[in-house]
Amino acid sequence: MLRQVPDRVLNSEFFDDNLLPPIRSDFSIVKGIIENAQDKEIESLPIGITCLYGVDDPVVRKEDMVGWKRYTSGKFRCIGYKGDHFFLYEKNNISKIVSLIKHAECF
């Protein structure tokens, strides 16, 4: 399972008053964007896309990431890193990704 928020946080007044309202708003916005996008043909852009994912992610698979290819007529690549959905927390991955960006290898 993904790293979950501890019960003591989820059941707190702070969460209910300060975190839950913006989370609900964000999901509402995303839902609207998705519903709108499903009704329209989305054109591909002439830019490169590099997708990063965790090879052990129980939610997002490589096949899901490869789906982003439809949004570009430019270069596309998909790079898997050791780890799950939170692969960015892996110490070795951070240096590899920083190097990728630093050397403009991400297109």
Protein backbone atom coordinates (compact mmCIF):
# COMPACT_ATOMS: atom_id res chain seq x y z
CA MET A 1 0.00 0.00 0.00
CA LEU A 2 1.10 3.59 -0.49
CA ARG A 3 2.52 5.47 2.45
CA GLN A 4 -0.62 6.67 4.13
CA VAL A 5 -1.35 9.61 6.38
CA PRO A 6 -1.36 8.50 10.04
CA ASP A 7 -4.79 8.20 11.70
CA ARG A 8 -3.86 10.78 14.32
CA VAL A 9 -3.47 13.34 11.50
CA LEU A 10 -6.57 12.29 9.56
CA ASN A 11 -8.71 12.40 12.70
CA SER A 12 -7.46 15.76 13.89
CA GLU A 13 -9.34 19.02 13.97
CA PHE A 14 -6.39 20.64 12.17
CA PHE A 15 -6.84 18.27 9.21
CA ASP A 16 -10.59 18.89 9.04
CA ASP A 17 -10.27 22.67 9.31
CA ASN A 18 -7.07 23.40 7.37
CA LEU A 19 -6.15 20.56 5.02
CA LEU A 20 -9.39 18.93 3.92
CA PRO A 21 -11.02 22.01 2.31
CA PRO A 22 -8.13 22.71 -0.11
CA ILE A 23 -7.81 18.98 -0.90
CA ARG A 24 -11.50 18.87 -1.80
CA SER A 25 -11.11 22.00 -3.93
CA ASP A 26 -8.13 20.53 -5.77
CA PHE A 27 -10.00 17.32 -6.53
CA SER A 28 -12.99 19.32 -7.73
CA ILE A 29 -10.78 21.28 -10.14
CA VAL A 30 -9.09 18.12 -11.43
CA LYS A 31 -12.47 16.43 -11.90
CA GLY A 32 -13.67 19.37 -13.98
CA ILE A 33 -10.54 19.33 -16.13
CA ILE A 34 -10.85 15.59 -16.76
CA GLU A 35 -14.54 15.82 -17.63
CA ASN A 36 -13.82 18.71 -20.00
CA ALA A 37 -10.86 16.96 -21.64
CA GLN A 38 -12.88 13.81 -22.30
CA ASP A 39 -15.16 15.80 -24.58
CA LYS A 40 -12.34 17.26 -26.67
CA GLU A 41 -9.57 16.00 -28.88
CA ILE A 42 -6.31 17.10 -27.29
CA GLU A 43 -3.64 18.09 -29.79
CA SER A 44 -0.08 16.94 -29.37
CA LEU A 45 2.57 19.56 -28.73
CA PRO A 46 5.91 19.87 -30.56
CA ILE A 47 7.89 19.49 -27.34
CA GLY A 48 9.74 16.62 -25.74
CA ILE A 49 8.30 14.79 -22.75
CA THR A 50 10.24 12.75 -20.23
CA CYS A 51 8.15 10.68 -17.80
CA LEU A 52 9.62 9.40 -14.55
CA TYR A 53 8.06 6.61 -12.49
CA GLY A 54 8.81 4.09 -9.74
CA VAL A 55 9.21 0.55 -11.10
CA ASP A 56 7.62 -0.91 -7.96
CA ASP A 57 4.68 1.51 -7.87
CA PRO A 58 1.51 -0.44 -7.05
CA VAL A 59 -0.69 2.25 -8.61
CA VAL A 60 1.05 3.74 -11.66
CA ARG A 61 2.51 1.31 -14.18
CA LYS A 62 4.94 1.92 -17.02
CA GLU A 63 2.04 1.41 -19.45
CA ASP A 64 0.24 4.33 -17.80
CA MET A 65 3.26 6.58 -18.21
CA VAL A 66 3.76 5.61 -21.86
CA GLY A 67 0.25 6.98 -22.47
CA TRP A 68 1.71 10.49 -22.19
CA LYS A 69 3.36 9.93 -25.59
CA ARG A 70 0.10 10.87 -27.30
CA TYR A 71 0.54 14.47 -26.12
CA THR A 72 3.77 15.12 -28.02
CA SER A 73 4.95 15.08 -31.60
CA GLY A 74 8.45 15.63 -30.23
CA LYS A 75 10.80 13.26 -28.46
CA PHE A 76 9.39 11.03 -25.76
CA ARG A 77 11.01 8.84 -23.18
CA CYS A 78 9.94 7.04 -20.06
CA ILE A 79 12.45 6.36 -17.28
CA GLY A 80 11.81 3.95 -14.42
CA TYR A 81 13.55 4.35 -11.07
CA LYS A 82 13.96 1.94 -8.19
CA GLY A 83 11.12 2.42 -5.72
CA ASP A 84 7.38 2.75 -5.40
CA HIS A 85 5.02 5.71 -5.89
CA PHE A 86 7.40 7.81 -3.78
CA PHE A 87 10.54 6.90 -5.73
CA LEU A 88 11.75 10.49 -5.36
CA TYR A 89 12.48 9.76 -1.70
CA GLU A 90 15.12 7.19 -2.67
CA LYS A 91 18.51 8.80 -2.07
CA ASN A 92 20.16 7.39 -5.19
CA ASN A 93 17.25 8.47 -7.37
CA ILE A 94 17.50 12.10 -6.30
CA SER A 95 21.06 12.50 -7.57
CA LYS A 96 20.19 10.77 -10.87
CA ILE A 97 17.16 12.98 -11.45
CA VAL A 98 19.04 16.16 -10.51
CA SER A 99 21.75 15.19 -12.98
CA LEU A 100 19.13 14.52 -15.66
CA ILE A 101 17.64 17.99 -15.19
CA LYS A 102 20.99 19.75 -14.71
CA HIS A 103 22.31 18.44 -17.99
CA ALA A 104 19.04 19.22 -19.79
CA GLU A 105 18.71 15.57 -20.69
CA CYS A 106 15.00 15.68 -19.95
CA PHE A 107 14.36 17.57 -23.21
